């Protein structure tokens, strides 16, 4: 275990309908409060967070590989609604009820999809990828990102083919090249780097098609209405984070009734790992614990 991550305490797969299965990993007490993690881009179930605090907080942290990543069966052409239905089935089969949920980075829109369907009872979005295809961000995006958003909108198959050329090494390099020094202090930690690289290798174990589908879905307009999300939402962003949301989550907060918007100084996209305890503590408070 490092100060940021730790190896899963329990690993497994669970069978869904149509012969598919989902891979999962768990940390913390098996009878703890279920907290379901939607991990970031191309990372597998192997990269959790808060390994040093889940036991003391009584949290049963559960990370699930999205279809085509890690140990989960591919589902070509899947949608956000398909993912939400997978999570509904997963929660039913594992007796999780309506768990708390955390959506990190590219996992954020998938977590929102679950919240919109009432699968989660409360949600923390941490360094969440924003809806960059929304018209109010058109002039805020850098030219390269704007081009990718337009490609995903007008030629999703072409965009998926482009993203399918990514590798675990390319993803690692992209993150390292784009991160501020405060985040690099986390990512260069030997233990974290080893866990992150393993999670990326697992994420790309079946190729890049799963990551490509995730990315096209995240980069297009989201098909769910955020103003109709009826569960409590906390939005967490680091003030040094320039990559996940053009406005640090301000527009997201305005679209989510009653959302709490938290801007944390001194950190960027590594916020999930540096502030695991307050994130989980605030989430647990939604249950009265």
Protein backbone atom coordinates (compact mmCIF):
# COMPACT_ATOMS: atom_id res chain seq x y z
CA UNK A 1 0.00 0.00 0.00
CA UNK A 2 1.12 3.56 -0.71
CA UNK A 3 -0.31 6.72 0.78
CA UNK A 4 -2.59 6.95 -2.25
CA UNK A 5 -3.56 3.47 -3.44
CA UNK A 6 -3.42 -0.18 -2.46
CA UNK A 7 -3.92 -3.58 -4.03
CA UNK A 8 -7.54 -4.79 -4.05
CA UNK A 9 -8.52 -6.98 -1.14
CA UNK A 10 -11.06 -8.94 -3.18
CA UNK A 11 -11.33 -9.55 -6.93
CA UNK A 12 -13.93 -11.28 -9.04
CA UNK A 13 -16.25 -11.30 -12.02
CA UNK A 14 -20.01 -11.52 -12.14
CA UNK A 15 -22.13 -12.92 -14.95
CA UNK A 16 -24.72 -10.75 -16.65
CA UNK A 17 -27.32 -11.70 -19.20
CA UNK A 18 -26.34 -12.54 -22.79
CA UNK A 19 -23.15 -14.26 -21.71
CA UNK A 20 -21.33 -11.09 -20.64
CA UNK A 21 -19.52 -10.55 -17.37
CA UNK A 22 -18.16 -7.60 -15.40
CA UNK A 23 -14.87 -7.55 -13.51
CA UNK A 24 -14.81 -5.97 -10.07
CA UNK A 25 -12.43 -5.21 -7.20
CA UNK A 26 -13.07 -4.29 -3.57
CA UNK A 27 -11.31 -2.57 -0.69
CA UNK A 28 -12.44 -2.19 2.92
CA UNK A 29 -14.77 -4.29 5.08
CA UNK A 30 -17.07 -6.63 3.18
CA UNK A 31 -19.98 -5.48 5.37
CA UNK A 32 -19.15 -1.77 4.99
CA UNK A 33 -21.22 0.94 3.32
CA UNK A 34 -21.09 0.21 -0.43
CA UNK A 35 -19.42 2.93 -2.49
CA UNK A 36 -19.33 2.16 -6.22
CA UNK A 37 -16.44 3.71 -8.19
CA UNK A 38 -16.67 4.64 -11.88
CA UNK A 39 -12.93 4.92 -12.62
CA UNK A 40 -11.19 7.27 -15.02
CA UNK A 41 -10.22 6.83 -18.64
CA UNK A 42 -8.78 3.42 -19.57
CA UNK A 43 -8.07 2.45 -15.96
CA UNK A 44 -9.27 -0.89 -14.72
CA UNK A 45 -10.71 -2.12 -11.44
CA UNK A 46 -7.13 -2.29 -10.09
CA UNK A 47 -6.82 1.43 -9.36
CA UNK A 48 -8.82 2.34 -6.29
CA UNK A 49 -8.38 5.18 -3.82
CA UNK A 50 -8.45 5.75 -0.11
CA UNK A 51 -6.97 2.36 0.77
CA UNK A 52 -5.58 3.85 3.99
CA UNK A 53 -8.98 5.11 5.20
CA UNK A 54 -11.73 2.79 3.91
CA UNK A 55 -11.36 0.45 6.88
CA UNK A 56 -11.64 3.18 9.51
CA UNK A 57 -14.53 4.84 7.66
CA UNK A 58 -16.40 1.57 7.24
CA UNK A 59 -16.46 1.89 3.45
CA UNK A 60 -16.73 -1.06 1.10
CA UNK A 61 -15.23 0.47 -2.05
CA UNK A 62 -16.14 -1.39 -5.24
CA UNK A 63 -14.60 -0.60 -8.63
CA UNK A 64 -16.06 -2.10 -11.80
CA UNK A 65 -14.42 -2.46 -15.22
CA UNK A 66 -16.58 -0.92 -17.91
CA UNK A 67 -17.32 -3.25 -20.87
CA UNK A 68 -14.24 -3.96 -22.97
CA UNK A 69 -11.83 -2.82 -20.24
CA UNK A 70 -9.95 -5.09 -17.85
CA UNK A 71 -11.90 -8.25 -17.12
CA UNK A 72 -15.28 -7.09 -18.47
CA UNK A 73 -16.73 -8.51 -21.68
CA UNK A 74 -16.82 -6.05 -24.61
CA UNK A 75 -20.20 -4.63 -25.64
CA UNK A 76 -19.70 -2.88 -29.01
CA UNK A 77 -22.05 0.04 -29.60
CA UNK A 78 -23.06 0.28 -25.95
CA UNK A 79 -24.72 3.44 -24.65
CA UNK A 80 -24.92 5.26 -21.33
CA UNK A 81 -28.32 3.61 -20.79
CA UNK A 82 -26.73 0.20 -21.38
CA UNK A 83 -24.08 0.95 -18.78
CA UNK A 84 -26.67 2.12 -16.25
CA UNK A 85 -28.61 -1.10 -16.78
CA UNK A 86 -25.41 -3.11 -16.27
CA UNK A 87 -24.84 -1.30 -12.97
CA UNK A 88 -28.45 -1.86 -11.91
CA UNK A 89 -28.01 -5.58 -12.55
CA UNK A 90 -24.59 -5.62 -10.85
CA UNK A 91 -25.99 -3.95 -7.72
CA UNK A 92 -28.91 -6.39 -7.59
CA UNK A 93 -26.72 -9.46 -8.00
CA UNK A 94 -24.25 -8.33 -5.36
CA UNK A 95 -26.83 -7.08 -2.88
CA UNK A 96 -25.64 -3.46 -2.91
CA UNK A 97 -29.06 -1.82 -2.90
CA UNK A 98 -28.70 1.79 -4.04
CA UNK A 99 -25.02 2.42 -3.28
CA UNK A 100 -23.18 5.66 -2.92
CA UNK A 101 -21.16 6.38 -6.05
CA UNK A 102 -17.95 8.16 -7.03
CA UNK A 103 -17.25 9.17 -10.64
CA UNK A 104 -13.66 10.12 -11.42
CA UNK A 105 -12.43 11.83 -14.60
CA UNK A 106 -13.96 10.09 -17.63
CA UNK A 107 -16.01 7.97 -15.26
CA UNK A 108 -18.08 11.06 -14.34
CA UNK A 109 -20.67 10.94 -17.16
CA UNK A 110 -21.17 7.22 -16.55
CA UNK A 111 -21.81 7.95 -12.88
CA UNK A 112 -24.23 10.72 -13.86
CA UNK A 113 -26.07 8.21 -16.05
CA UNK A 114 -26.50 5.97 -13.00
CA UNK A 115 -27.62 8.88 -10.82
CA UNK A 116 -30.16 9.95 -13.45
CA UNK A 117 -31.62 6.42 -13.39
CA UNK A 118 -31.81 6.35 -9.59
CA UNK A 119 -29.25 3.57 -9.27
CA UNK A 120 -27.02 5.60 -6.92
CA UNK A 121 -28.36 7.13 -3.72
CA UNK A 122 -25.77 9.95 -3.73
CA UNK A 123 -22.86 10.89 -5.95
CA UNK A 124 -19.42 12.48 -5.64
CA UNK A 125 -17.92 13.60 -8.94
CA UNK A 126 -14.17 14.10 -8.53
CA UNK A 127 -12.15 15.81 -11.27
CA UNK A 128 -15.02 14.91 -13.54
CA UNK A 129 -14.81 15.17 -17.30
CA UNK A 130 -17.30 17.86 -18.30
CA UNK A 131 -19.81 17.84 -21.15
CA UNK A 132 -17.34 19.43 -23.55
CA UNK A 133 -19.76 19.14 -26.49
CA UNK A 134 -22.16 21.57 -24.81
CA UNK A 135 -22.50 24.78 -26.88
CA UNK A 136 -21.42 27.08 -24.03
CA UNK A 137 -17.93 25.54 -24.12
CA UNK A 138 -17.40 25.94 -27.87
CA UNK A 139 -15.04 28.92 -27.57
CA UNK A 140 -13.41 27.71 -24.35
CA UNK A 141 -11.83 24.56 -25.79
CA UNK A 142 -8.34 24.37 -27.19
CA UNK A 143 -8.26 23.82 -30.93
CA UNK A 144 -7.13 20.18 -30.72
CA UNK A 145 -9.86 19.21 -28.26
CA UNK A 146 -12.48 21.16 -30.20
CA UNK A 147 -11.52 19.19 -33.31
CA UNK A 148 -11.96 15.88 -31.49
CA UNK A 149 -15.33 16.96 -30.13
CA UNK A 150 -16.50 17.88 -33.63
CA UNK A 151 -15.23 14.56 -34.98
CA UNK A 152 -17.11 12.64 -32.27
CA UNK A 153 -20.28 14.60 -33.07
CA UNK A 154 -20.20 14.28 -36.86
CA UNK A 155 -18.30 11.02 -37.40
CA UNK A 156 -18.52 8.92 -34.23
CA UNK A 157 -17.31 5.79 -36.00
CA UNK A 158 -14.25 7.66 -37.25
CA UNK A 159 -13.60 9.07 -33.79
CA UNK A 160 -13.88 5.61 -32.27
CA UNK A 161 -11.40 4.28 -34.81
CA UNK A 162 -8.99 7.10 -33.96
CA UNK A 163 -9.18 6.52 -30.21
CA UNK A 164 -8.80 2.77 -30.74
CA UNK A 165 -5.20 3.49 -31.70
CA UNK A 166 -4.31 4.44 -28.11
CA UNK A 167 -2.12 2.28 -25.87
CA UNK A 168 -1.44 2.13 -22.16
CA UNK A 169 1.93 3.84 -22.68
CA UNK A 170 0.35 6.62 -24.75
CA UNK A 171 -2.22 7.24 -22.02
CA UNK A 172 0.45 7.37 -19.32
CA UNK A 173 2.50 9.84 -21.36
CA UNK A 174 -0.52 12.01 -22.08
CA UNK A 175 -1.39 12.26 -18.39
CA UNK A 176 2.19 13.00 -17.39
CA UNK A 177 2.67 15.63 -20.10
CA UNK A 178 -0.55 17.46 -19.25
CA UNK A 179 -0.36 17.46 -15.45
CA UNK A 180 0.84 20.30 -13.18
CA UNK A 181 3.66 19.70 -10.73
CA UNK A 182 1.29 19.25 -7.79
CA UNK A 183 -0.23 16.23 -9.56
CA UNK A 184 3.09 14.89 -10.78
CA UNK A 185 4.21 14.64 -7.16
CA UNK A 186 1.46 12.02 -6.78
CA UNK A 187 1.87 10.29 -10.13
CA UNK A 188 5.65 9.94 -9.73
CA UNK A 189 5.30 8.30 -6.33
CA UNK A 190 6.77 4.83 -7.00
CA UNK A 191 3.86 2.95 -5.46
CA UNK A 192 1.22 5.02 -7.21
CA UNK A 193 3.04 4.87 -10.55
CA UNK A 194 3.22 1.08 -10.33
CA UNK A 195 -0.50 0.80 -9.48
CA UNK A 196 -1.54 3.29 -12.16
CA UNK A 197 0.54 1.60 -14.85
CA UNK A 198 -0.85 -1.79 -13.89
CA UNK A 199 -4.39 -0.43 -14.07
CA UNK A 200 -3.71 0.99 -17.54
CA UNK A 201 -2.19 -2.28 -18.73
CA UNK A 202 -5.25 -4.13 -17.45
CA UNK A 203 -7.53 -1.54 -19.01
CA UNK A 204 -6.00 -2.10 -22.44
CA UNK A 205 -5.63 -5.88 -22.03
CA UNK A 206 -8.37 -6.51 -24.61
CA UNK A 207 -7.23 -3.70 -26.89
CA UNK A 208 -8.40 -0.09 -26.96
CA UNK A 209 -11.97 -0.56 -28.20
CA UNK A 210 -13.48 -0.22 -24.71
CA UNK A 211 -11.60 3.02 -24.06
CA UNK A 212 -12.52 4.31 -27.53
CA UNK A 213 -16.23 3.72 -26.95
CA UNK A 214 -16.06 5.41 -23.54
CA UNK A 215 -14.34 8.44 -25.04
CA UNK A 216 -16.79 8.94 -27.89
CA UNK A 217 -19.73 8.70 -25.49
CA UNK A 218 -18.13 11.19 -23.08
CA UNK A 219 -17.23 13.67 -25.85
CA UNK A 220 -20.70 13.84 -27.38
CA UNK A 221 -23.77 15.54 -25.89
CA UNK A 222 -24.94 13.58 -22.89
CA UNK A 223 -28.42 12.06 -23.32
CA UNK A 224 -29.58 12.59 -19.73
CA UNK A 225 -30.93 15.77 -18.13
CA UNK A 226 -28.71 16.87 -15.25
CA UNK A 227 -31.41 19.18 -13.90
CA UNK A 228 -33.56 16.09 -13.32
CA UNK A 229 -30.96 14.23 -11.23
CA UNK A 230 -32.77 13.70 -7.96
CA UNK A 231 -29.92 12.48 -5.73
CA UNK A 232 -27.44 14.62 -3.75
CA UNK A 233 -24.28 15.47 -5.72
CA UNK A 234 -20.92 16.83 -4.59
CA UNK A 235 -18.62 18.22 -7.28
CA UNK A 236 -14.93 18.20 -6.38
CA UNK A 237 -12.31 19.96 -8.52
CA UNK A 238 -8.73 20.97 -7.84
CA UNK A 239 -7.98 24.61 -8.57
CA UNK A 240 -4.91 23.55 -10.59
CA UNK A 241 -6.99 21.21 -12.78
CA UNK A 242 -7.11 22.62 -16.31
CA UNK A 243 -7.98 19.43 -18.17
CA UNK A 244 -11.27 18.04 -16.90
CA UNK A 245 -13.63 21.01 -17.04
CA UNK A 246 -13.17 24.35 -18.84
CA UNK A 247 -14.75 26.20 -15.89
CA UNK A 248 -13.84 23.93 -12.98
CA UNK A 249 -17.32 22.45 -12.80
CA UNK A 250 -19.19 25.76 -12.40
CA UNK A 251 -21.69 25.09 -15.20
CA UNK A 252 -22.22 21.53 -13.98
CA UNK A 253 -23.01 22.85 -10.51
CA UNK A 254 -25.53 25.30 -11.95
CA UNK A 255 -27.30 22.49 -13.83
CA UNK A 256 -27.54 20.14 -10.82
CA UNK A 257 -30.22 21.12 -8.28
CA UNK A 258 -28.67 21.44 -4.84
CA UNK A 259 -25.21 20.31 -5.89
CA UNK A 260 -22.32 21.28 -3.64
CA UNK A 261 -19.36 22.63 -5.61
CA UNK A 262 -15.99 22.28 -3.90
CA UNK A 263 -12.81 23.84 -5.29
CA UNK A 264 -9.68 22.56 -3.53
CA UNK A 265 -6.49 24.66 -3.63
CA UNK A 266 -3.03 23.28 -4.27
CA UNK A 267 -4.00 20.26 -6.36
CA UNK A 268 -5.26 19.37 -9.83
CA UNK A 269 -6.59 16.14 -11.31
CA UNK A 270 -4.94 13.97 -8.62
CA UNK A 271 -7.56 15.17 -6.12
CA UNK A 272 -9.19 11.74 -5.75
CA UNK A 273 -6.03 10.32 -4.21
CA UNK A 274 -4.86 13.30 -2.14
CA UNK A 275 -8.28 14.03 -0.61
CA UNK A 276 -9.83 10.56 -0.34
CA UNK A 277 -10.84 10.96 3.31
CA UNK A 278 -12.84 14.22 3.01
CA UNK A 279 -14.44 13.00 -0.24
CA UNK A 280 -15.63 9.78 1.36
CA UNK A 281 -16.57 11.46 4.63
CA UNK A 282 -18.77 13.98 2.83
CA UNK A 283 -20.35 11.20 0.78
CA UNK A 284 -21.07 9.11 3.89
CA UNK A 285 -22.73 12.13 5.47
CA UNK A 286 -25.44 11.84 2.78
CA UNK A 287 -26.49 8.61 4.53
CA UNK A 288 -26.47 10.21 7.98
CA UNK A 289 -23.25 8.41 8.98
